[in-house]
C-alpha atoms as a PDB file:
ATOM      1  CA  MET A   1     -21.908  75.080   5.899  1.00  0.00           C
ATOM      2  CA  THR A   2     -18.256  74.712   6.806  1.00  0.00           C
ATOM      3  CA  SER A   3     -16.525  71.386   8.183  1.00  0.00           C
ATOM      4  CA  SER A   4     -15.798  73.522  11.516  1.00  0.00           C
ATOM      5  CA  ARG A   5     -19.150  74.334  11.874  1.00  0.00           C
ATOM      6  CA  ARG A   6     -20.520  70.643  11.364  1.00  0.00           C
ATOM      7  CA  THR A   7     -17.770  69.701  13.842  1.00  0.00           C
ATOM      8  CA  ILE A   8     -19.125  71.847  16.597  1.00  0.00           C
ATOM      9  CA  LEU A   9     -22.539  70.839  15.650  1.00  0.00           C
ATOM     10  CA  ARG A  10     -21.507  67.067  16.195  1.00  0.00           C
ATOM     11  CA  GLY A  11     -19.812  67.885  19.300  1.00  0.00           C
ATOM     12  CA  ALA A  12     -22.731  70.143  20.956  1.00  0.00           C
ATOM     13  CA  VAL A  13     -25.404  67.167  20.301  1.00  0.00           C
ATOM     14  CA  ALA A  14     -23.297  63.944  20.509  1.00  0.00           C
ATOM     15  CA  GLY A  15     -23.595  63.968  24.564  1.00  0.00           C
ATOM     16  CA  LEU A  16     -27.479  64.943  24.307  1.00  0.00           C
ATOM     17  CA  LEU A  17     -28.315  62.250  22.161  1.00  0.00           C
ATOM     18  CA  ALA A  18     -26.096  59.370  23.647  1.00  0.00           C
ATOM     19  CA  PRO A  19     -28.151  55.861  23.271  1.00  0.00           C
ATOM     20  CA  SER A  20     -29.439  54.505  26.330  1.00  0.00           C
ATOM     21  CA  VAL A  21     -32.205  51.648  27.007  1.00  0.00           C
ATOM     22  CA  ALA A  22     -34.534  50.014  24.300  1.00  0.00           C
ATOM     23  CA  SER A  23     -38.175  50.844  24.476  1.00  0.00           C
ATOM     24  CA  ALA A  24     -41.277  49.437  22.841  1.00  0.00           C
ATOM     25  CA  GLY A  25     -39.492  48.266  19.930  1.00  0.00           C
ATOM     26  CA  TYR A  26     -37.315  51.772  19.282  1.00  0.00           C
ATOM     27  CA  GLU A  27     -33.703  51.464  19.814  1.00  0.00           C
ATOM     28  CA  LYS A  28     -31.607  53.849  21.588  1.00  0.00           C
ATOM     29  CA  VAL A  29     -34.671  55.983  23.249  1.00  0.00           C
ATOM     30  CA  ALA A  30     -33.212  58.075  25.967  1.00  0.00           C
ATOM     31  CA  PRO A  31     -35.538  57.606  29.207  1.00  0.00           C
ATOM     32  CA  SER A  32     -35.257  61.194  30.659  1.00  0.00           C
ATOM     33  CA  PRO A  33     -36.714  64.559  29.269  1.00  0.00           C
ATOM     34  CA  THR A  34     -33.626  66.180  31.090  1.00  0.00           C
ATOM     35  CA  MET A  35     -30.083  65.547  29.513  1.00  0.00           C
ATOM     36  CA  THR A  36     -26.835  67.057  29.974  1.00  0.00           C
ATOM     37  CA  GLY A  37     -28.338  69.886  31.805  1.00  0.00           C
ATOM     38  CA  ILE A  38     -31.230  70.497  28.880  1.00  0.00           C
ATOM     39  CA  ASP A  39     -34.432  70.451  30.240  1.00  0.00           C
ATOM     40  CA  ILE A  40     -36.706  70.005  27.224  1.00  0.00           C
ATOM     41  CA  GLY A  41     -39.818  69.615  29.611  1.00  0.00           C
ATOM     42  CA  ARG A  42     -39.340  73.493  30.467  1.00  0.00           C
ATOM     43  CA  ARG A  43     -40.671  74.380  27.193  1.00  0.00           C
ATOM     44  CA  PHE A  44     -43.887  72.884  27.801  1.00  0.00           C
ATOM     45  CA  ARG A  45     -44.275  73.675  31.303  1.00  0.00           C
ATOM     46  CA  GLU A  46     -43.528  77.535  30.538  1.00  0.00           C
ATOM     47  CA  ARG A  47     -46.223  77.463  28.038  1.00  0.00           C
ATOM     48  CA  GLY A  48     -48.696  75.490  30.611  1.00  0.00           C
ATOM     49  CA  VAL A  49     -49.187  72.581  27.977  1.00  0.00           C
ATOM     50  CA  VAL A  50     -48.544  68.640  28.081  1.00  0.00           C
ATOM     51  CA  GLY A  51     -46.993  67.135  25.376  1.00  0.00           C
ATOM     52  CA  THR A  52     -44.141  65.134  23.821  1.00  0.00           C
ATOM     53  CA  PHE A  53     -41.193  65.680  22.032  1.00  0.00           C
ATOM     54  CA  VAL A  54     -39.057  63.024  19.952  1.00  0.00           C
ATOM     55  CA  LEU A  55     -36.031  63.832  18.259  1.00  0.00           C
ATOM     56  CA  ARG A  56     -34.036  61.110  16.270  1.00  0.00           C
ATOM     57  CA  ASP A  57     -30.378  61.519  14.971  1.00  0.00           C
ATOM     58  CA  VAL A  58     -30.596  60.027  11.539  1.00  0.00           C
ATOM     59  CA  GLN A  59     -26.657  60.030  11.792  1.00  0.00           C
ATOM     60  CA  ASP A  60     -26.523  57.372  14.543  1.00  0.00           C
ATOM     61  CA  ASP A  61     -30.001  56.466  15.022  1.00  0.00           C
ATOM     62  CA  SER A  62     -30.130  58.038  18.544  1.00  0.00           C
ATOM     63  CA  VAL A  63     -33.379  59.292  19.875  1.00  0.00           C
ATOM     64  CA  LEU A  64     -34.351  61.870  22.604  1.00  0.00           C
ATOM     65  CA  VAL A  65     -37.523  61.677  24.305  1.00  0.00           C
ATOM     66  CA  HIS A  66     -39.680  63.953  26.349  1.00  0.00           C
ATOM     67  CA  ASN A  67     -42.597  62.391  27.590  1.00  0.00           C
ATOM     68  CA  PRO A  68     -41.981  58.912  26.625  1.00  0.00           C
ATOM     69  CA  SER A  69     -45.274  57.478  27.700  1.00  0.00           C
ATOM     70  CA  ARG A  70     -47.297  60.194  25.677  1.00  0.00           C
ATOM     71  CA  ALA A  71     -44.650  59.491  22.720  1.00  0.00           C
ATOM     72  CA  GLU A  72     -46.084  55.829  22.310  1.00  0.00           C
ATOM     73  CA  GLU A  73     -49.750  57.127  22.574  1.00  0.00           C
ATOM     74  CA  GLY A  74     -51.945  57.100  19.256  1.00  0.00           C
ATOM     75  CA  PHE A  75     -53.744  60.317  18.108  1.00  0.00           C
ATOM     76  CA  SER A  76     -55.392  61.438  14.892  1.00  0.00           C
ATOM     77  CA  PRO A  77     -52.766  62.525  12.650  1.00  0.00           C
ATOM     78  CA  ALA A  78     -54.976  65.492  11.713  1.00  0.00           C
ATOM     79  CA  SER A  79     -53.333  67.554   8.820  1.00  0.00           C
ATOM     80  CA  THR A  80     -49.755  65.992   9.150  1.00  0.00           C
ATOM     81  CA  PHE A  81     -51.740  63.478   6.992  1.00  0.00           C
ATOM     82  CA  LYS A  82     -51.165  65.851   4.174  1.00  0.00           C
ATOM     83  CA  ILE A  83     -47.541  64.509   3.823  1.00  0.00           C
ATOM     84  CA  PRO A  84     -48.747  60.744   2.958  1.00  0.00           C
ATOM     85  CA  ASN A  85     -51.868  62.072   1.489  1.00  0.00           C
ATOM     86  CA  SER A  86     -49.584  64.364  -0.900  1.00  0.00           C
ATOM     87  CA  LEU A  87     -47.027  61.314  -1.852  1.00  0.00           C
ATOM     88  CA  ILE A  88     -50.325  58.878  -2.638  1.00  0.00           C
ATOM     89  CA  SER A  89     -52.051  61.442  -4.701  1.00  0.00           C
ATOM     90  CA  LEU A  90     -49.063  62.123  -7.062  1.00  0.00           C
ATOM     91  CA  GLU A  91     -48.114  58.809  -7.138  1.00  0.00           C
ATOM     92  CA  VAL A  92     -51.417  57.518  -8.375  1.00  0.00           C
ATOM     93  CA  GLY A  93     -51.912  60.374 -10.871  1.00  0.00           C
ATOM     94  CA  ALA A  94     -54.982  61.632  -8.626  1.00  0.00           C
ATOM     95  CA  VAL A  95     -53.168  65.291  -9.413  1.00  0.00           C
ATOM     96  CA  GLU A  96     -50.738  66.181 -12.258  1.00  0.00           C
ATOM     97  CA  ASP A  97     -48.314  67.926  -9.912  1.00  0.00           C
ATOM     98  CA  GLU A  98     -47.850  70.434  -7.111  1.00  0.00           C
ATOM     99  CA  ASN A  99     -49.010  73.224  -9.257  1.00  0.00           C
ATOM    100  CA  GLU A 100     -52.429  71.799 -10.797  1.00  0.00           C
ATOM    101  CA  THR A 101     -55.058  74.281  -9.500  1.00  0.00           C
ATOM    102  CA  LEU A 102     -58.377  73.133  -7.996  1.00  0.00           C
ATOM    103  CA  LYS A 103     -61.275  75.532  -8.311  1.00  0.00           C
ATOM    104  CA  TRP A 104     -62.903  76.252  -4.715  1.00  0.00           C
ATOM    105  CA  ASP A 105     -66.161  75.117  -4.388  1.00  0.00           C
ATOM    106  CA  GLY A 106     -67.794  78.767  -3.469  1.00  0.00           C
ATOM    107  CA  VAL A 107     -68.399  77.272   0.340  1.00  0.00           C
ATOM    108  CA  LYS A 108     -67.361  79.481   3.060  1.00  0.00           C
ATOM    109  CA  ARG A 109     -65.490  77.550   5.573  1.00  0.00           C
ATOM    110  CA  PRO A 110     -64.116  79.257   8.618  1.00  0.00           C
ATOM    111  CA  ILE A 111     -60.326  79.436   7.923  1.00  0.00           C
ATOM    112  CA  GLU A 112     -60.545  82.473   5.397  1.00  0.00           C
ATOM    113  CA  ALA A 113     -57.257  81.141   3.478  1.00  0.00           C
ATOM    114  CA  TRP A 114     -59.229  78.124   2.510  1.00  0.00           C
ATOM    115  CA  ASN A 115     -61.526  80.366   0.468  1.00  0.00           C
ATOM    116  CA  LYS A 116     -59.993  80.458  -2.885  1.00  0.00           C
ATOM    117  CA  ASP A 117     -58.588  78.441  -5.518  1.00  0.00           C
ATOM    118  CA  HIS A 118     -55.294  76.130  -4.773  1.00  0.00           C
ATOM    119  CA  ASN A 119     -52.975  73.845  -5.705  1.00  0.00           C
ATOM    120  CA  MET A 120     -50.967  71.440  -3.715  1.00  0.00           C
ATOM    121  CA  ARG A 121     -48.092  73.716  -2.830  1.00  0.00           C
ATOM    122  CA  SER A 122     -50.578  76.263  -1.555  1.00  0.00           C
ATOM    123  CA  ALA A 123     -52.786  73.914   0.015  1.00  0.00           C
ATOM    124  CA  ILE A 124     -50.216  72.247   2.156  1.00  0.00           C
ATOM    125  CA  THR A 125     -49.120  75.745   3.283  1.00  0.00           C
ATOM    126  CA  ALA A 126     -52.500  77.070   4.425  1.00  0.00           C
ATOM    127  CA  SER A 127     -53.456  73.223   5.447  1.00  0.00           C
ATOM    128  CA  THR A 128     -56.637  73.456   2.993  1.00  0.00           C
ATOM    129  CA  VAL A 129     -58.932  70.737   4.183  1.00  0.00           C
ATOM    130  CA  TRP A 130     -61.074  70.678   1.167  1.00  0.00           C
ATOM    131  CA  PHE A 131     -58.133  70.338  -1.129  1.00  0.00           C
ATOM    132  CA  TYR A 132     -56.930  67.065   0.621  1.00  0.00           C
ATOM    133  CA  GLN A 133     -60.215  65.814   0.868  1.00  0.00           C
ATOM    134  CA  GLU A 134     -60.858  65.917  -2.938  1.00  0.00           C
ATOM    135  CA  MET A 135     -57.427  63.923  -3.291  1.00  0.00           C
ATOM    136  CA  ALA A 136     -58.556  61.483  -1.066  1.00  0.00           C
ATOM    137  CA  ARG A 137     -62.013  60.997  -2.769  1.00  0.00           C
ATOM    138  CA  ARG A 138     -59.891  60.754  -6.439  1.00  0.00           C
ATOM    139  CA  VAL A 139     -57.608  58.189  -5.019  1.00  0.00           C
ATOM    140  CA  GLY A 140     -60.340  56.449  -3.632  1.00  0.00           C
ATOM    141  CA  GLU A 141     -60.867  53.848  -0.582  1.00  0.00           C
ATOM    142  CA  LYS A 142     -59.054  50.842  -2.213  1.00  0.00           C
ATOM    143  CA  ARG A 143     -55.953  52.394  -3.298  1.00  0.00           C
ATOM    144  CA  MET A 144     -55.541  54.526   0.115  1.00  0.00           C
ATOM    145  CA  LYS A 145     -56.151  51.641   1.871  1.00  0.00           C
ATOM    146  CA  GLU A 146     -53.549  49.389  -0.203  1.00  0.00           C
ATOM    147  CA  TRP A 147     -51.137  52.618   0.359  1.00  0.00           C
ATOM    148  CA  ILE A 148     -51.356  53.071   3.767  1.00  0.00           C
ATOM    149  CA  GLU A 149     -50.771  49.246   4.313  1.00  0.00           C
ATOM    150  CA  ARG A 150     -47.770  49.634   2.063  1.00  0.00           C
ATOM    151  CA  ILE A 151     -46.020  52.327   3.752  1.00  0.00           C
ATOM    152  CA  GLY A 152     -47.459  51.091   7.318  1.00  0.00           C
ATOM    153  CA  TYR A 153     -48.678  54.312   8.290  1.00  0.00           C
ATOM    154  CA  GLY A 154     -49.991  54.687  12.070  1.00  0.00           C
ATOM    155  CA  ASN A 155     -52.628  52.165  12.998  1.00  0.00           C
ATOM    156  CA  ARG A 156     -53.526  51.739   9.185  1.00  0.00           C
ATOM    157  CA  ASP A 157     -57.219  52.133  10.149  1.00  0.00           C
ATOM    158  CA  ILE A 158     -59.015  54.236   7.130  1.00  0.00           C
ATOM    159  CA  SER A 159     -62.551  53.527   8.379  1.00  0.00           C
ATOM    160  CA  GLY A 160     -64.712  56.799   8.850  1.00  0.00           C
ATOM    161  CA  GLY A 161     -65.016  57.790   5.408  1.00  0.00           C
ATOM    162  CA  ILE A 162     -62.554  58.541   2.866  1.00  0.00           C
ATOM    163  CA  ASP A 163     -62.353  62.225   3.097  1.00  0.00           C
ATOM    164  CA  GLN A 164     -62.835  62.126   7.176  1.00  0.00           C
ATOM    165  CA  PHE A 165     -60.322  59.170   8.020  1.00  0.00           C
ATOM    166  CA  TRP A 166     -57.367  61.217   9.037  1.00  0.00           C
ATOM    167  CA  LEU A 167     -60.115  63.921  10.757  1.00  0.00           C
ATOM    168  CA  SER A 168     -62.789  62.189  12.588  1.00  0.00           C
ATOM    169  CA  GLY A 169     -62.130  58.602  11.713  1.00  0.00           C
ATOM    170  CA  LYS A 170     -60.112  55.919  13.483  1.00  0.00           C
ATOM    171  CA  LEU A 171     -56.836  56.677  11.909  1.00  0.00           C
ATOM    172  CA  ARG A 172     -54.284  56.876  14.788  1.00  0.00           C
ATOM    173  CA  ILE A 173     -50.494  57.316  14.833  1.00  0.00           C
ATOM    174  CA  THR A 174     -47.779  57.894  17.649  1.00  0.00           C
ATOM    175  CA  ALA A 175     -44.786  60.127  17.643  1.00  0.00           C
ATOM    176  CA  HIS A 176     -42.796  57.474  16.986  1.00  0.00           C
ATOM    177  CA  GLN A 177     -44.384  56.440  14.152  1.00  0.00           C
ATOM    178  CA  GLN A 178     -44.593  59.647  12.848  1.00  0.00           C
ATOM    179  CA  ILE A 179     -40.670  59.859  13.338  1.00  0.00           C
ATOM    180  CA  GLU A 180     -40.042  56.494  11.332  1.00  0.00           C
ATOM    181  CA  PHE A 181     -42.435  57.492   8.838  1.00  0.00           C
ATOM    182  CA  LEU A 182     -40.566  60.575   8.159  1.00  0.00           C
ATOM    183  CA  ARG A 183     -37.219  58.976   8.329  1.00  0.00           C
ATOM    184  CA  ARG A 184     -37.922  56.956   5.679  1.00  0.00           C
ATOM    185  CA  LEU A 185     -39.200  59.768   3.465  1.00  0.00           C
ATOM    186  CA  GLN A 186     -35.982  61.881   4.086  1.00  0.00           C
ATOM    187  CA  ALA A 187     -34.032  58.963   3.489  1.00  0.00           C
ATOM    188  CA  ASN A 188     -35.567  58.180   0.299  1.00  0.00           C
ATOM    189  CA  ASP A 189     -36.974  54.524   1.676  1.00  0.00           C
ATOM    190  CA  LEU A 190     -40.420  54.461   1.060  1.00  0.00           C
ATOM    191  CA  PRO A 191     -41.984  52.892  -1.971  1.00  0.00           C
ATOM    192  CA  PHE A 192     -42.525  56.261  -4.266  1.00  0.00           C
ATOM    193  CA  SER A 193     -40.917  57.313  -7.390  1.00  0.00           C
ATOM    194  CA  GLU A 194     -37.883  59.878  -7.270  1.00  0.00           C
ATOM    195  CA  ARG A 195     -40.592  62.656  -8.745  1.00  0.00           C
ATOM    196  CA  THR A 196     -43.033  62.207  -6.012  1.00  0.00           C
ATOM    197  CA  ARG A 197     -40.628  62.175  -3.193  1.00  0.00           C
ATOM    198  CA  ARG A 198     -38.893  65.223  -4.731  1.00  0.00           C
ATOM    199  CA  ILE A 199     -42.069  67.335  -5.157  1.00  0.00           C
ATOM    200  CA  VAL A 200     -43.497  66.542  -1.604  1.00  0.00           C
ATOM    201  CA  LYS A 201     -40.117  67.424   0.244  1.00  0.00           C
ATOM    202  CA  ASP A 202     -39.753  70.746  -1.740  1.00  0.00           C
ATOM    203  CA  ILE A 203     -43.367  71.823  -0.721  1.00  0.00           C
ATOM    204  CA  LEU A 204     -42.489  70.912   2.869  1.00  0.00           C
ATOM    205  CA  ILE A 205     -39.778  73.345   3.197  1.00  0.00           C
ATOM    206  CA  LEU A 206     -40.614  75.887   5.921  1.00  0.00           C
ATOM    207  CA  GLU A 207     -37.307  77.746   5.835  1.00  0.00           C
ATOM    208  CA  GLU A 208     -34.029  77.439   4.272  1.00  0.00           C
ATOM    209  CA  ASN A 209     -30.818  79.347   4.123  1.00  0.00           C
ATOM    210  CA  ASP A 210     -26.829  78.873   3.912  1.00  0.00           C
ATOM    211  CA  SER A 211     -26.989  77.037   7.327  1.00  0.00           C
ATOM    212  CA  TYR A 212     -29.907  74.795   7.216  1.00  0.00           C
ATOM    213  CA  VAL A 213     -33.070  73.758   5.380  1.00  0.00           C
ATOM    214  CA  LEU A 214     -36.431  73.164   8.024  1.00  0.00           C
ATOM    215  CA  ARG A 215     -39.137  70.841   6.677  1.00  0.00           C
ATOM    216  CA  GLY A 216     -42.251  70.432   8.453  1.00  0.00           C
ATOM    217  CA  LYS A 217     -46.217  70.532   8.874  1.00  0.00           C
ATOM    218  CA  THR A 218     -48.453  71.153  11.649  1.00  0.00           C
ATOM    219  CA  GLY A 219     -51.743  69.292  12.383  1.00  0.00           C
ATOM    220  CA  LEU A 220     -54.754  70.195  14.591  1.00  0.00           C
ATOM    221  CA  GLY A 221     -57.552  68.141  15.284  1.00  0.00           C
ATOM    222  CA  GLY A 222     -58.975  64.907  16.907  1.00  0.00           C
ATOM    223  CA  GLY A 223     -61.825  66.820  18.310  1.00  0.00           C
ATOM    224  CA  ASP A 224     -65.244  67.098  17.608  1.00  0.00           C
ATOM    225  CA  GLY A 225     -66.710  69.146  14.804  1.00  0.00           C
ATOM    226  CA  LYS A 226     -65.811  69.941  11.237  1.00  0.00           C
ATOM    227  CA  PRO A 227     -62.426  70.649   9.941  1.00  0.00           C
ATOM    228  CA  GLY A 228     -61.572  74.131  11.467  1.00  0.00           C
ATOM    229  CA  GLU A 229     -64.630  74.058  13.921  1.00  0.00           C
ATOM    230  CA  GLY A 230     -65.315  72.175  17.467  1.00  0.00           C
ATOM    231  CA  LYS A 231     -62.657  71.384  20.114  1.00  0.00           C
ATOM    232  CA  ALA A 232     -59.332  69.889  18.903  1.00  0.00           C
ATOM    233  CA  SER A 233     -57.456  67.535  21.116  1.00  0.00           C
ATOM    234  CA  VAL A 234     -54.259  67.194  19.708  1.00  0.00           C
ATOM    235  CA  GLY A 235     -51.746  69.895  17.934  1.00  0.00           C
ATOM    236  CA  TRP A 236     -49.021  68.243  15.923  1.00  0.00           C
ATOM    237  CA  PHE A 237     -45.429  69.637  14.434  1.00  0.00           C
ATOM    238  CA  VAL A 238     -43.438  67.027  12.616  1.00  0.00           C
ATOM    239  CA  GLY A 239     -40.527  67.574  10.122  1.00  0.00           C
ATOM    240  CA  TRP A 240     -36.928  67.067   9.922  1.00  0.00           C
ATOM    241  CA  LEU A 241     -33.947  69.588  10.140  1.00  0.00           C
ATOM    242  CA  GLU A 242     -30.941  69.098   7.712  1.00  0.00           C
ATOM    243  CA  ARG A 243     -27.595  70.843   8.310  1.00  0.00           C
ATOM    244  CA  GLY A 244     -24.905  70.299   5.757  1.00  0.00           C
ATOM    245  CA  ASP A 245     -24.919  66.011   5.312  1.00  0.00           C
ATOM    246  CA  ARG A 246     -26.590  65.901   8.900  1.00  0.00           C
ATOM    247  CA  ALA A 247     -30.537  65.190   9.456  1.00  0.00           C
ATOM    248  CA  TRP A 248     -32.752  65.414  12.761  1.00  0.00           C
ATOM    249  CA  ILE A 249     -36.208  64.238  12.389  1.00  0.00           C
ATOM    250  CA  PHE A 250     -38.935  65.239  15.331  1.00  0.00           C
ATOM    251  CA  ALA A 251     -42.393  64.850  15.957  1.00  0.00           C
ATOM    252  CA  LEU A 252     -44.204  67.303  18.817  1.00  0.00           C
ATOM    253  CA  ASN A 253     -47.698  66.936  19.938  1.00  0.00           C
ATOM    254  CA  VAL A 254     -49.326  68.642  22.572  1.00  0.00           C
ATOM    255  CA  ALA A 255     -52.785  68.050  24.325  1.00  0.00           C
ATOM    256  CA  TRP A 256     -54.816  71.089  23.012  1.00  0.00           C
ATOM    257  CA  LYS A 257     -57.246  73.408  24.748  1.00  0.00           C
ATOM    258  CA  ASP A 258     -59.384  76.374  24.104  1.00  0.00           C
ATOM    259  CA  GLY A 259     -57.324  79.663  24.212  1.00  0.00           C
ATOM    260  CA  LEU A 260     -54.092  78.050  22.739  1.00  0.00           C
ATOM    261  CA  ASP A 261     -51.823  80.379  20.517  1.00  0.00           C
ATOM    262  CA  ILE A 262     -52.258  78.317  17.004  1.00  0.00           C
ATOM    263  CA  GLN A 263     -48.159  78.743  16.755  1.00  0.00           C
ATOM    264  CA  ILE A 264     -47.223  77.028  20.053  1.00  0.00           C
ATOM    265  CA  ARG A 265     -46.526  73.849  18.283  1.00  0.00           C
ATOM    266  CA  ARG A 266     -44.142  75.347  16.206  1.00  0.00           C
ATOM    267  CA  ALA A 267     -42.811  77.561  18.707  1.00  0.00           C
ATOM    268  CA  ILE A 268     -41.990  75.068  20.904  1.00  0.00           C
ATOM    269  CA  ALA A 269     -40.410  72.807  18.689  1.00  0.00           C
ATOM    270  CA  SER A 270     -37.782  75.770  17.830  1.00  0.00           C
ATOM    271  CA  ASP A 271     -37.009  76.236  21.379  1.00  0.00           C
ATOM    272  CA  VAL A 272     -36.012  73.015  21.907  1.00  0.00           C
ATOM    273  CA  LEU A 273     -33.797  72.832  18.754  1.00  0.00           C
ATOM    274  CA  ARG A 274     -32.145  75.911  19.626  1.00  0.00           C
ATOM    275  CA  ASP A 275     -31.762  74.695  23.287  1.00  0.00           C
ATOM    276  CA  LEU A 276     -30.121  71.724  21.679  1.00  0.00           C
ATOM    277  CA  GLY A 277     -28.062  73.997  19.602  1.00  0.00           C
ATOM    278  CA  LEU A 278     -29.540  73.100  16.369  1.00  0.00           C
ATOM    279  CA  LEU A 279     -30.853  76.279  15.312  1.00  0.00           C
ATOM    280  CA  GLU A 280     -29.138  79.801  16.389  1.00  0.00           C
ATOM    281  CA  LYS A 281     -30.691  81.561  18.973  1.00  0.00           C
END
C-alpha cells in the first residue's frame, strides 16, 4: 500500500471517527449514527433490519457507533465464540494445529457442509458446530472457565453445558466487548502464545489482496432449537480490517427474523466500510 493511499485514507476517515463523549467506560464513543454526511443507519433501514455497528480505529482509539443502546446490550456470541474457542483449544493442546482432522460422527445435520470430516481451518470457514463442541469438551469445563475469566470474555458465564454455553447457555457479549476482545487479539495483547495467535489470525482471513486484509467471523443463534435449527434471535459479524500499518476493528449485530438472507450481516458491514472509504466501491 503506497504512502499516498495511506494519507488519503487517514484524511477521509479522520473526520468520521472524531472523538466525542465517553460512554459506559468506552472512551471517545460517537453519539450519533450520522457523521459528516455518512448515514450508517441507512444500510440497516434499506434492508429492514434493526442492528448496531461499532467501528474502532486502532490508530487513535476513536469509536464510531450506530445504535449505541444496542451496542451495550449483551447477546449470545453464537459462532463468533469460535474465535476464543480456537485460541483456547490450540493453547491447551486440545488440537495439535489447524490441520488436525476430526472424523465426522456420521450424524446428519441441517447444514450439509458440516456433514464431513473437518479440521479447524475448514470448520471455522463452514462454522461447523460439532467440531467446536468437541474442542470445548476436550478443553473441559475447568480449563474453559479459567481461560474465559483470564481473557475477560463477555459476561464470563459458561453455565449451560460445556458444549452448549455459547449456543443456548448464559454466555453473553456486547458489541463493545467484541471490539475490545478483537482489539487485544489484533494487538497481540491476549495471553496466548505467538503460535496460537498466528494460527487463529490466519484462519480468520476472509479476503486478502495488495490493498487490505479482512478477517472476521459470523455468528447466528441465541434462539431456540439445536444448532442450525430453530429460531435465531441475533446475527453477528465481527472482525477487523488492516490496510498497511492501520487497523479498524468492527462488530455488527442484527435482530434476526425469519426470511433474512444469511449473507446480510457481512453485506451490511461491507457496505458501511465502503461508505467510510475503507473498502473500494
